[in-house]
């Protein structure tokens, strides 16, 4: 936050000093954290710090300007933002003595690269964790109140993997032996828990993903981030068919009323049909 403020305050010019008090205003807690942040940024070569009369004056460097630009660009990575929220929900619930995280508190305190995360994104992430069996949601008066980790969620937190990695590597508990088999429009051979590789060719899937990303701006702004995350999951062949199927179904529901989506919906229907097996 301090680095981006300096970049904006200087109109992207390096070398001009500003007091961290100007950044923090009357917020003493923010002032203390800004002083600490200035020291860390100086260690990274992103600012110069000049101490005068007990207060830090800070100037952004050329390296700091580049880093601020990188952060701003990363904020627009919708999939990365959504993955961050998934992981933070798991981490905060696991750190809690009772395995519960209050969603209202989480909304108020969670930042992604110095920017508050919108409530719809957090609620969508919480529901995704519930869909994957990692958490249970407790509603009250029609609103989500808290998220509680399931035993599987506890294992995810202890695995050292992020949520997407953990879910993609799990096999349903009752699955038994798994046999891989390519299916290209024919009938699958008899077997125990046969996993079918989707019969949509790789170039078709790549074209579908390209079309879906192009359609994202036609959706309401609050829905675009979750939509793009679902597109990433659908594209990721390392995810389980069940996870990709859920994402595909949400994408189809989002696009039903979107203009110009007919061609994409046709291919998407084939993918969903193959994943549903």
C-alpha atoms as a PDB file:
ATOM      1  CA  UNK A   1       0.000   0.000   0.000  1.00  0.00           C
ATOM      2  CA  UNK A   2       2.810   2.422   0.879  1.00  0.00           C
ATOM      3  CA  UNK A   3       4.709   1.628  -2.311  1.00  0.00           C
ATOM      4  CA  UNK A   4       1.683   2.168  -4.539  1.00  0.00           C
ATOM      5  CA  UNK A   5       0.819   5.368  -2.674  1.00  0.00           C
ATOM      6  CA  UNK A   6       4.339   6.680  -3.283  1.00  0.00           C
ATOM      7  CA  UNK A   7       4.143   5.741  -6.966  1.00  0.00           C
ATOM      8  CA  UNK A   8       0.871   7.663  -7.341  1.00  0.00           C
ATOM      9  CA  UNK A   9       1.954  10.564  -5.113  1.00  0.00           C
ATOM     10  CA  UNK A  10       5.071  11.189  -7.204  1.00  0.00           C
ATOM     11  CA  UNK A  11       3.346  10.616 -10.580  1.00  0.00           C
ATOM     12  CA  UNK A  12       5.841   7.781 -11.137  1.00  0.00           C
ATOM     13  CA  UNK A  13       8.973   9.870 -10.547  1.00  0.00           C
ATOM     14  CA  UNK A  14      11.759   8.569  -8.330  1.00  0.00           C
ATOM     15  CA  UNK A  15      13.698  10.521  -5.713  1.00  0.00           C
ATOM     16  CA  UNK A  16      11.155  12.900  -4.140  1.00  0.00           C
ATOM     17  CA  UNK A  17      10.729  12.498  -0.372  1.00  0.00           C
ATOM     18  CA  UNK A  18       7.376  12.381   1.437  1.00  0.00           C
ATOM     19  CA  UNK A  19       6.587  11.911   5.108  1.00  0.00           C
ATOM     20  CA  UNK A  20       4.953   8.634   6.094  1.00  0.00           C
ATOM     21  CA  UNK A  21       2.667  10.791   8.281  1.00  0.00           C
ATOM     22  CA  UNK A  22       1.099  12.097   5.094  1.00  0.00           C
ATOM     23  CA  UNK A  23       0.388   8.492   4.096  1.00  0.00           C
ATOM     24  CA  UNK A  24      -0.980   7.427   7.514  1.00  0.00           C
ATOM     25  CA  UNK A  25      -2.926  10.550   8.420  1.00  0.00           C
ATOM     26  CA  UNK A  26      -4.178  10.442  12.020  1.00  0.00           C
ATOM     27  CA  UNK A  27      -4.094   6.650  12.229  1.00  0.00           C
ATOM     28  CA  UNK A  28      -1.342   5.874  14.753  1.00  0.00           C
ATOM     29  CA  UNK A  29      -1.484   2.128  14.096  1.00  0.00           C
ATOM     30  CA  UNK A  30      -1.127   2.667  10.364  1.00  0.00           C
ATOM     31  CA  UNK A  31       1.738   5.106  10.989  1.00  0.00           C
ATOM     32  CA  UNK A  32       3.635   2.494  13.012  1.00  0.00           C
ATOM     33  CA  UNK A  33       3.084  -0.151  10.339  1.00  0.00           C
ATOM     34  CA  UNK A  34       4.117   2.307   7.614  1.00  0.00           C
ATOM     35  CA  UNK A  35       7.377   3.033   9.438  1.00  0.00           C
ATOM     36  CA  UNK A  36       8.080  -0.705   9.581  1.00  0.00           C
ATOM     37  CA  UNK A  37       7.098  -1.115   5.947  1.00  0.00           C
ATOM     38  CA  UNK A  38       9.435   1.686   4.898  1.00  0.00           C
ATOM     39  CA  UNK A  39      12.350  -0.154   6.519  1.00  0.00           C
ATOM     40  CA  UNK A  40      11.475  -3.398   4.719  1.00  0.00           C
ATOM     41  CA  UNK A  41      11.079  -1.606   1.395  1.00  0.00           C
ATOM     42  CA  UNK A  42      14.470   0.040   1.867  1.00  0.00           C
ATOM     43  CA  UNK A  43      16.047  -3.380   2.458  1.00  0.00           C
ATOM     44  CA  UNK A  44      14.580  -4.489  -0.868  1.00  0.00           C
ATOM     45  CA  UNK A  45      15.943  -1.416  -2.663  1.00  0.00           C
ATOM     46  CA  UNK A  46      12.465  -0.054  -3.404  1.00  0.00           C
ATOM     47  CA  UNK A  47      12.703   3.172  -1.340  1.00  0.00           C
ATOM     48  CA  UNK A  48      15.182   5.446   0.352  1.00  0.00           C
ATOM     49  CA  UNK A  49      14.414   6.392   3.966  1.00  0.00           C
ATOM     50  CA  UNK A  50      15.517   9.642   5.600  1.00  0.00           C
ATOM     51  CA  UNK A  51      14.950  10.006   9.350  1.00  0.00           C
ATOM     52  CA  UNK A  52      14.148  13.562  10.488  1.00  0.00           C
ATOM     53  CA  UNK A  53      12.729  14.662  13.847  1.00  0.00           C
ATOM     54  CA  UNK A  54      11.610  11.168  14.751  1.00  0.00           C
ATOM     55  CA  UNK A  55       9.627  10.662  11.560  1.00  0.00           C
ATOM     56  CA  UNK A  56      10.519   8.795   8.384  1.00  0.00           C
ATOM     57  CA  UNK A  57      10.600  10.548   5.039  1.00  0.00           C
ATOM     58  CA  UNK A  58      10.485   8.141   2.126  1.00  0.00           C
ATOM     59  CA  UNK A  59      11.374   8.404  -1.563  1.00  0.00           C
ATOM     60  CA  UNK A  60      10.564   5.727  -4.090  1.00  0.00           C
ATOM     61  CA  UNK A  61      13.370   4.363  -6.278  1.00  0.00           C
ATOM     62  CA  UNK A  62      13.249   3.229  -9.904  1.00  0.00           C
ATOM     63  CA  UNK A  63      13.122  -0.339  -8.613  1.00  0.00           C
ATOM     64  CA  UNK A  64      10.181   0.627  -6.408  1.00  0.00           C
ATOM     65  CA  UNK A  65       8.305   2.126  -9.351  1.00  0.00           C
ATOM     66  CA  UNK A  66       8.722  -1.118 -11.275  1.00  0.00           C
ATOM     67  CA  UNK A  67       7.574  -3.140  -8.276  1.00  0.00           C
ATOM     68  CA  UNK A  68       4.495  -0.936  -7.843  1.00  0.00           C
ATOM     69  CA  UNK A  69       3.592  -1.503 -11.503  1.00  0.00           C
ATOM     70  CA  UNK A  70       4.031  -5.250 -11.034  1.00  0.00           C
ATOM     71  CA  UNK A  71       1.740  -5.278  -8.007  1.00  0.00           C
ATOM     72  CA  UNK A  72      -0.959  -3.316  -9.827  1.00  0.00           C
ATOM     73  CA  UNK A  73      -0.797  -5.739 -12.753  1.00  0.00           C
ATOM     74  CA  UNK A  74      -0.951  -8.742 -10.408  1.00  0.00           C
ATOM     75  CA  UNK A  75      -4.074  -7.343  -8.749  1.00  0.00           C
ATOM     76  CA  UNK A  76      -5.850  -7.898 -12.070  1.00  0.00           C
ATOM     77  CA  UNK A  77      -4.974 -11.619 -12.071  1.00  0.00           C
ATOM     78  CA  UNK A  78      -8.420 -12.888 -11.118  1.00  0.00           C
ATOM     79  CA  UNK A  79      -7.411 -16.523 -10.753  1.00  0.00           C
ATOM     80  CA  UNK A  80      -4.507 -15.679  -8.456  1.00  0.00           C
ATOM     81  CA  UNK A  81      -6.770 -13.484  -6.307  1.00  0.00           C
ATOM     82  CA  UNK A  82      -9.357 -16.252  -5.975  1.00  0.00           C
ATOM     83  CA  UNK A  83      -6.719 -18.872  -5.144  1.00  0.00           C
ATOM     84  CA  UNK A  84      -5.299 -16.529  -2.499  1.00  0.00           C
ATOM     85  CA  UNK A  85      -8.719 -16.237  -0.831  1.00  0.00           C
ATOM     86  CA  UNK A  86      -9.191 -20.023  -0.870  1.00  0.00           C
ATOM     87  CA  UNK A  87      -5.832 -20.536   0.818  1.00  0.00           C
ATOM     88  CA  UNK A  88      -6.343 -17.754   3.370  1.00  0.00           C
ATOM     89  CA  UNK A  89      -9.725 -19.149   4.414  1.00  0.00           C
ATOM     90  CA  UNK A  90      -8.169 -22.561   5.021  1.00  0.00           C
ATOM     91  CA  UNK A  91      -5.156 -21.083   6.841  1.00  0.00           C
ATOM     92  CA  UNK A  92      -7.178 -18.798   9.116  1.00  0.00           C
ATOM     93  CA  UNK A  93      -9.685 -21.500  10.010  1.00  0.00           C
ATOM     94  CA  UNK A  94      -6.861 -23.949  10.759  1.00  0.00           C
ATOM     95  CA  UNK A  95      -5.114 -21.383  12.968  1.00  0.00           C
ATOM     96  CA  UNK A  96      -8.312 -20.904  14.959  1.00  0.00           C
ATOM     97  CA  UNK A  97      -8.617 -23.106  18.087  1.00  0.00           C
ATOM     98  CA  UNK A  98     -12.003 -24.421  16.946  1.00  0.00           C
ATOM     99  CA  UNK A  99     -11.271 -24.586  13.210  1.00  0.00           C
ATOM    100  CA  UNK A 100     -13.760 -21.806  12.470  1.00  0.00           C
ATOM    101  CA  UNK A 101     -13.321 -18.483  10.688  1.00  0.00           C
ATOM    102  CA  UNK A 102     -15.963 -15.747  10.915  1.00  0.00           C
ATOM    103  CA  UNK A 103     -16.673 -14.528   7.406  1.00  0.00           C
ATOM    104  CA  UNK A 104     -17.576 -10.970   8.411  1.00  0.00           C
ATOM    105  CA  UNK A 105     -14.229 -10.590  10.180  1.00  0.00           C
ATOM    106  CA  UNK A 106     -12.464 -12.212   7.237  1.00  0.00           C
ATOM    107  CA  UNK A 107     -14.089  -9.737   4.833  1.00  0.00           C
ATOM    108  CA  UNK A 108     -13.043  -6.782   6.972  1.00  0.00           C
ATOM    109  CA  UNK A 109      -9.427  -7.851   7.427  1.00  0.00           C
ATOM    110  CA  UNK A 110      -8.374  -9.657   4.261  1.00  0.00           C
ATOM    111  CA  UNK A 111      -6.236  -7.790   1.743  1.00  0.00           C
ATOM    112  CA  UNK A 112      -4.828  -9.041  -1.545  1.00  0.00           C
ATOM    113  CA  UNK A 113      -1.669  -7.096  -2.404  1.00  0.00           C
ATOM    114  CA  UNK A 114      -2.855  -4.217  -0.246  1.00  0.00           C
ATOM    115  CA  UNK A 115      -6.400  -4.130  -1.661  1.00  0.00           C
ATOM    116  CA  UNK A 116      -9.592  -5.300   0.058  1.00  0.00           C
ATOM    117  CA  UNK A 117     -11.211  -8.339  -1.550  1.00  0.00           C
ATOM    118  CA  UNK A 118     -14.843  -7.917  -2.599  1.00  0.00           C
ATOM    119  CA  UNK A 119     -17.448  -9.766  -0.526  1.00  0.00           C
ATOM    120  CA  UNK A 120     -18.846 -11.786  -3.507  1.00  0.00           C
ATOM    121  CA  UNK A 121     -15.375 -13.212  -4.178  1.00  0.00           C
ATOM    122  CA  UNK A 122     -14.999 -14.331  -0.555  1.00  0.00           C
ATOM    123  CA  UNK A 123     -18.462 -15.898  -0.463  1.00  0.00           C
ATOM    124  CA  UNK A 124     -17.796 -17.712  -3.738  1.00  0.00           C
ATOM    125  CA  UNK A 125     -14.497 -19.042  -2.365  1.00  0.00           C
ATOM    126  CA  UNK A 126     -16.209 -20.220   0.819  1.00  0.00           C
ATOM    127  CA  UNK A 127     -18.845 -22.071  -1.208  1.00  0.00           C
ATOM    128  CA  UNK A 128     -16.132 -23.632  -3.376  1.00  0.00           C
ATOM    129  CA  UNK A 129     -14.408 -25.012  -0.277  1.00  0.00           C
ATOM    130  CA  UNK A 130     -17.731 -26.456   0.841  1.00  0.00           C
ATOM    131  CA  UNK A 131     -18.315 -27.983  -2.613  1.00  0.00           C
ATOM    132  CA  UNK A 132     -14.906 -29.695  -2.370  1.00  0.00           C
ATOM    133  CA  UNK A 133     -15.706 -31.104   1.071  1.00  0.00           C
ATOM    134  CA  UNK A 134     -13.058 -29.018   2.805  1.00  0.00           C
ATOM    135  CA  UNK A 135     -15.425 -26.899   4.888  1.00  0.00           C
ATOM    136  CA  UNK A 136     -18.995 -26.504   6.137  1.00  0.00           C
ATOM    137  CA  UNK A 137     -20.790 -23.155   5.964  1.00  0.00           C
ATOM    138  CA  UNK A 138     -23.071 -21.956   8.755  1.00  0.00           C
ATOM    139  CA  UNK A 139     -25.846 -19.648   7.536  1.00  0.00           C
ATOM    140  CA  UNK A 140     -27.834 -17.248   9.686  1.00  0.00           C
ATOM    141  CA  UNK A 141     -30.782 -15.120   8.562  1.00  0.00           C
ATOM    142  CA  UNK A 142     -30.018 -16.045   4.976  1.00  0.00           C
ATOM    143  CA  UNK A 143     -26.402 -14.872   5.217  1.00  0.00           C
ATOM    144  CA  UNK A 144     -23.228 -16.873   5.654  1.00  0.00           C
ATOM    145  CA  UNK A 145     -21.841 -16.443   9.147  1.00  0.00           C
ATOM    146  CA  UNK A 146     -18.883 -18.780   9.510  1.00  0.00           C
ATOM    147  CA  UNK A 147     -16.794 -21.458   7.841  1.00  0.00           C
ATOM    148  CA  UNK A 148     -15.726 -24.587   9.703  1.00  0.00           C
ATOM    149  CA  UNK A 149     -13.051 -26.974   8.433  1.00  0.00           C
ATOM    150  CA  UNK A 150     -13.991 -30.602   7.865  1.00  0.00           C
ATOM    151  CA  UNK A 151     -11.441 -33.369   8.593  1.00  0.00           C
ATOM    152  CA  UNK A 152     -10.511 -33.209   4.915  1.00  0.00           C
ATOM    153  CA  UNK A 153      -9.983 -29.462   5.263  1.00  0.00           C
ATOM    154  CA  UNK A 154      -7.706 -30.060   8.234  1.00  0.00           C
ATOM    155  CA  UNK A 155      -5.651 -32.475   6.140  1.00  0.00           C
ATOM    156  CA  UNK A 156      -5.461 -29.897   3.347  1.00  0.00           C
ATOM    157  CA  UNK A 157      -4.136 -27.300   5.794  1.00  0.00           C
ATOM    158  CA  UNK A 158      -1.498 -29.709   7.078  1.00  0.00           C
ATOM    159  CA  UNK A 159      -0.462 -30.974   3.637  1.00  0.00           C
ATOM    160  CA  UNK A 160       1.733 -27.986   2.792  1.00  0.00           C
ATOM    161  CA  UNK A 161      -0.081 -27.687  -0.560  1.00  0.00           C
ATOM    162  CA  UNK A 162      -2.383 -24.958  -1.753  1.00  0.00           C
ATOM    163  CA  UNK A 163      -6.077 -25.757  -2.074  1.00  0.00           C
ATOM    164  CA  UNK A 164      -6.031 -26.296  -5.840  1.00  0.00           C
ATOM    165  CA  UNK A 165      -3.060 -28.676  -5.624  1.00  0.00           C
ATOM    166  CA  UNK A 166      -4.593 -30.628  -2.777  1.00  0.00           C
ATOM    167  CA  UNK A 167      -8.012 -31.027  -4.409  1.00  0.00           C
ATOM    168  CA  UNK A 168      -6.568 -31.968  -7.806  1.00  0.00           C
ATOM    169  CA  UNK A 169      -4.489 -34.773  -6.258  1.00  0.00           C
ATOM    170  CA  UNK A 170      -7.273 -36.355  -4.232  1.00  0.00           C
ATOM    171  CA  UNK A 171      -9.111 -39.534  -5.232  1.00  0.00           C
ATOM    172  CA  UNK A 172     -12.594 -40.009  -3.741  1.00  0.00           C
ATOM    173  CA  UNK A 173     -12.383 -42.232  -0.682  1.00  0.00           C
ATOM    174  CA  UNK A 174     -14.622 -44.948  -2.149  1.00  0.00           C
ATOM    175  CA  UNK A 175     -13.104 -44.896  -5.598  1.00  0.00           C
ATOM    176  CA  UNK A 176     -10.955 -48.034  -5.335  1.00  0.00           C
ATOM    177  CA  UNK A 177      -8.660 -48.913  -8.260  1.00  0.00           C
ATOM    178  CA  UNK A 178      -8.605 -46.397 -11.100  1.00  0.00           C
ATOM    179  CA  UNK A 179      -7.991 -47.317 -14.724  1.00  0.00           C
ATOM    180  CA  UNK A 180      -7.294 -44.652 -17.336  1.00  0.00           C
ATOM    181  CA  UNK A 181      -8.808 -45.074 -20.775  1.00  0.00           C
ATOM    182  CA  UNK A 182      -9.118 -42.785 -23.786  1.00  0.00           C
ATOM    183  CA  UNK A 183     -12.656 -42.424 -25.123  1.00  0.00           C
ATOM    184  CA  UNK A 184     -13.195 -40.854 -28.536  1.00  0.00           C
ATOM    185  CA  UNK A 185     -16.903 -41.026 -29.207  1.00  0.00           C
ATOM    186  CA  UNK A 186     -17.146 -44.798 -28.637  1.00  0.00           C
ATOM    187  CA  UNK A 187     -18.251 -46.862 -25.679  1.00  0.00           C
ATOM    188  CA  UNK A 188     -15.899 -47.291 -22.761  1.00  0.00           C
ATOM    189  CA  UNK A 189     -14.790 -50.825 -22.017  1.00  0.00           C
ATOM    190  CA  UNK A 190     -16.048 -52.425 -18.843  1.00  0.00           C
ATOM    191  CA  UNK A 191     -13.840 -51.837 -15.839  1.00  0.00           C
ATOM    192  CA  UNK A 192     -13.707 -50.712 -12.241  1.00  0.00           C
ATOM    193  CA  UNK A 193     -13.952 -46.915 -11.778  1.00  0.00           C
ATOM    194  CA  UNK A 194     -12.780 -46.095 -15.287  1.00  0.00           C
ATOM    195  CA  UNK A 195     -11.490 -42.532 -15.675  1.00  0.00           C
ATOM    196  CA  UNK A 196     -12.290 -41.218 -19.131  1.00  0.00           C
ATOM    197  CA  UNK A 197     -10.093 -38.624 -20.792  1.00  0.00           C
ATOM    198  CA  UNK A 198     -12.320 -35.941 -22.263  1.00  0.00           C
ATOM    199  CA  UNK A 199     -12.960 -36.546 -25.945  1.00  0.00           C
ATOM    200  CA  UNK A 200     -12.679 -32.835 -26.773  1.00  0.00           C
ATOM    201  CA  UNK A 201      -9.348 -32.245 -28.504  1.00  0.00           C
ATOM    202  CA  UNK A 202      -6.718 -30.005 -26.897  1.00  0.00           C
ATOM    203  CA  UNK A 203      -7.024 -27.353 -29.603  1.00  0.00           C
ATOM    204  CA  UNK A 204     -10.796 -27.237 -29.122  1.00  0.00           C
ATOM    205  CA  UNK A 205     -10.379 -26.779 -25.388  1.00  0.00           C
ATOM    206  CA  UNK A 206      -7.783 -24.037 -25.948  1.00  0.00           C
ATOM    207  CA  UNK A 207     -10.152 -22.246 -28.342  1.00  0.00           C
ATOM    208  CA  UNK A 208     -13.011 -22.590 -25.846  1.00  0.00           C
ATOM    209  CA  UNK A 209     -10.897 -21.106 -23.043  1.00  0.00           C
ATOM    210  CA  UNK A 210      -9.899 -18.237 -25.335  1.00  0.00           C
ATOM    211  CA  UNK A 211     -13.555 -17.541 -26.132  1.00  0.00           C
ATOM    212  CA  UNK A 212     -14.616 -17.747 -22.494  1.00  0.00           C
ATOM    213  CA  UNK A 213     -11.970 -15.256 -21.380  1.00  0.00           C
ATOM    214  CA  UNK A 214     -13.146 -12.910 -24.120  1.00  0.00           C
ATOM    215  CA  UNK A 215     -16.725 -13.198 -22.825  1.00  0.00           C
ATOM    216  CA  UNK A 216     -15.794 -12.371 -19.210  1.00  0.00           C
ATOM    217  CA  UNK A 217     -16.142  -8.564 -19.689  1.00  0.00           C
ATOM    218  CA  UNK A 218     -19.786  -9.063 -20.765  1.00  0.00           C
ATOM    219  CA  UNK A 219     -20.653 -10.330 -17.274  1.00  0.00           C
ATOM    220  CA  UNK A 220     -21.447  -8.120 -14.277  1.00  0.00           C
ATOM    221  CA  UNK A 221     -18.229  -6.837 -12.720  1.00  0.00           C
ATOM    222  CA  UNK A 222     -18.642  -8.680  -9.378  1.00  0.00           C
ATOM    223  CA  UNK A 223     -18.997 -12.014 -11.224  1.00  0.00           C
ATOM    224  CA  UNK A 224     -16.005 -11.709 -13.537  1.00  0.00           C
ATOM    225  CA  UNK A 225     -13.331 -12.792 -11.061  1.00  0.00           C
ATOM    226  CA  UNK A 226     -15.096 -16.030 -10.098  1.00  0.00           C
ATOM    227  CA  UNK A 227     -15.925 -16.710 -13.758  1.00  0.00           C
ATOM    228  CA  UNK A 228     -12.280 -16.440 -14.794  1.00  0.00           C
ATOM    229  CA  UNK A 229     -11.220 -18.693 -11.951  1.00  0.00           C
ATOM    230  CA  UNK A 230     -13.705 -21.327 -13.122  1.00  0.00           C
ATOM    231  CA  UNK A 231     -12.269 -21.008 -16.638  1.00  0.00           C
ATOM    232  CA  UNK A 232      -8.784 -21.717 -15.230  1.00  0.00           C
ATOM    233  CA  UNK A 233     -10.073 -24.798 -13.424  1.00  0.00           C
ATOM    234  CA  UNK A 234     -11.841 -26.050 -16.565  1.00  0.00           C
ATOM    235  CA  UNK A 235      -8.615 -25.613 -18.539  1.00  0.00           C
ATOM    236  CA  UNK A 236      -6.467 -27.424 -15.952  1.00  0.00           C
ATOM    237  CA  UNK A 237      -6.412 -31.109 -16.944  1.00  0.00           C
ATOM    238  CA  UNK A 238      -4.688 -31.918 -13.640  1.00  0.00           C
ATOM    239  CA  UNK A 239      -7.933 -31.152 -11.812  1.00  0.00           C
ATOM    240  CA  UNK A 240     -10.342 -34.005 -11.127  1.00  0.00           C
ATOM    241  CA  UNK A 241     -13.216 -34.451 -13.611  1.00  0.00           C
ATOM    242  CA  UNK A 242     -15.674 -33.663 -10.819  1.00  0.00           C
ATOM    243  CA  UNK A 243     -13.979 -30.345 -10.047  1.00  0.00           C
ATOM    244  CA  UNK A 244     -13.799 -29.370 -13.729  1.00  0.00           C
ATOM    245  CA  UNK A 245     -17.423 -30.424 -14.223  1.00  0.00           C
ATOM    246  CA  UNK A 246     -18.577 -28.148 -11.384  1.00  0.00           C
ATOM    247  CA  UNK A 247     -16.645 -25.237 -12.878  1.00  0.00           C
ATOM    248  CA  UNK A 248     -18.068 -25.947 -16.348  1.00  0.00           C
ATOM    249  CA  UNK A 249     -21.609 -25.984 -15.007  1.00  0.00           C
ATOM    250  CA  UNK A 250     -21.105 -22.654 -13.234  1.00  0.00           C
ATOM    251  CA  UNK A 251     -19.631 -21.166 -16.432  1.00  0.00           C
ATOM    252  CA  UNK A 252     -22.648 -22.340 -18.438  1.00  0.00           C
ATOM    253  CA  UNK A 253     -25.057 -20.861 -15.895  1.00  0.00           C
ATOM    254  CA  UNK A 254     -23.203 -17.541 -16.000  1.00  0.00           C
ATOM    255  CA  UNK A 255     -23.265 -17.415 -19.823  1.00  0.00           C
ATOM    256  CA  UNK A 256     -26.882 -18.415 -20.401  1.00  0.00           C
ATOM    257  CA  UNK A 257     -27.970 -14.809 -20.840  1.00  0.00           C
ATOM    258  CA  UNK A 258     -24.658 -13.422 -22.131  1.00  0.00           C
ATOM    259  CA  UNK A 259     -24.714 -11.937 -25.659  1.00  0.00           C
ATOM    260  CA  UNK A 260     -22.591 -13.696 -28.284  1.00  0.00           C
ATOM    261  CA  UNK A 261     -22.005 -16.784 -26.152  1.00  0.00           C
ATOM    262  CA  UNK A 262     -23.781 -19.348 -28.350  1.00  0.00           C
ATOM    263  CA  UNK A 263     -20.642 -20.739 -30.040  1.00  0.00           C
ATOM    264  CA  UNK A 264     -18.793 -21.099 -26.738  1.00  0.00           C
ATOM    265  CA  UNK A 265     -21.815 -22.710 -25.108  1.00  0.00           C
ATOM    266  CA  UNK A 266     -21.919 -25.362 -27.816  1.00  0.00           C
ATOM    267  CA  UNK A 267     -18.340 -26.490 -27.179  1.00  0.00           C
ATOM    268  CA  UNK A 268     -18.800 -26.081 -23.429  1.00  0.00           C
ATOM    269  CA  UNK A 269     -21.756 -28.450 -23.575  1.00  0.00           C
ATOM    270  CA  UNK A 270     -19.525 -31.100 -25.185  1.00  0.00           C
ATOM    271  CA  UNK A 271     -16.893 -30.667 -22.462  1.00  0.00           C
ATOM    272  CA  UNK A 272     -19.467 -30.886 -19.686  1.00  0.00           C
ATOM    273  CA  UNK A 273     -21.012 -33.962 -21.271  1.00  0.00           C
ATOM    274  CA  UNK A 274     -17.621 -35.665 -21.484  1.00  0.00           C
ATOM    275  CA  UNK A 275     -16.683 -34.750 -17.919  1.00  0.00           C
ATOM    276  CA  UNK A 276     -20.033 -36.001 -16.654  1.00  0.00           C
ATOM    277  CA  UNK A 277     -19.266 -39.200 -18.428  1.00  0.00           C
END
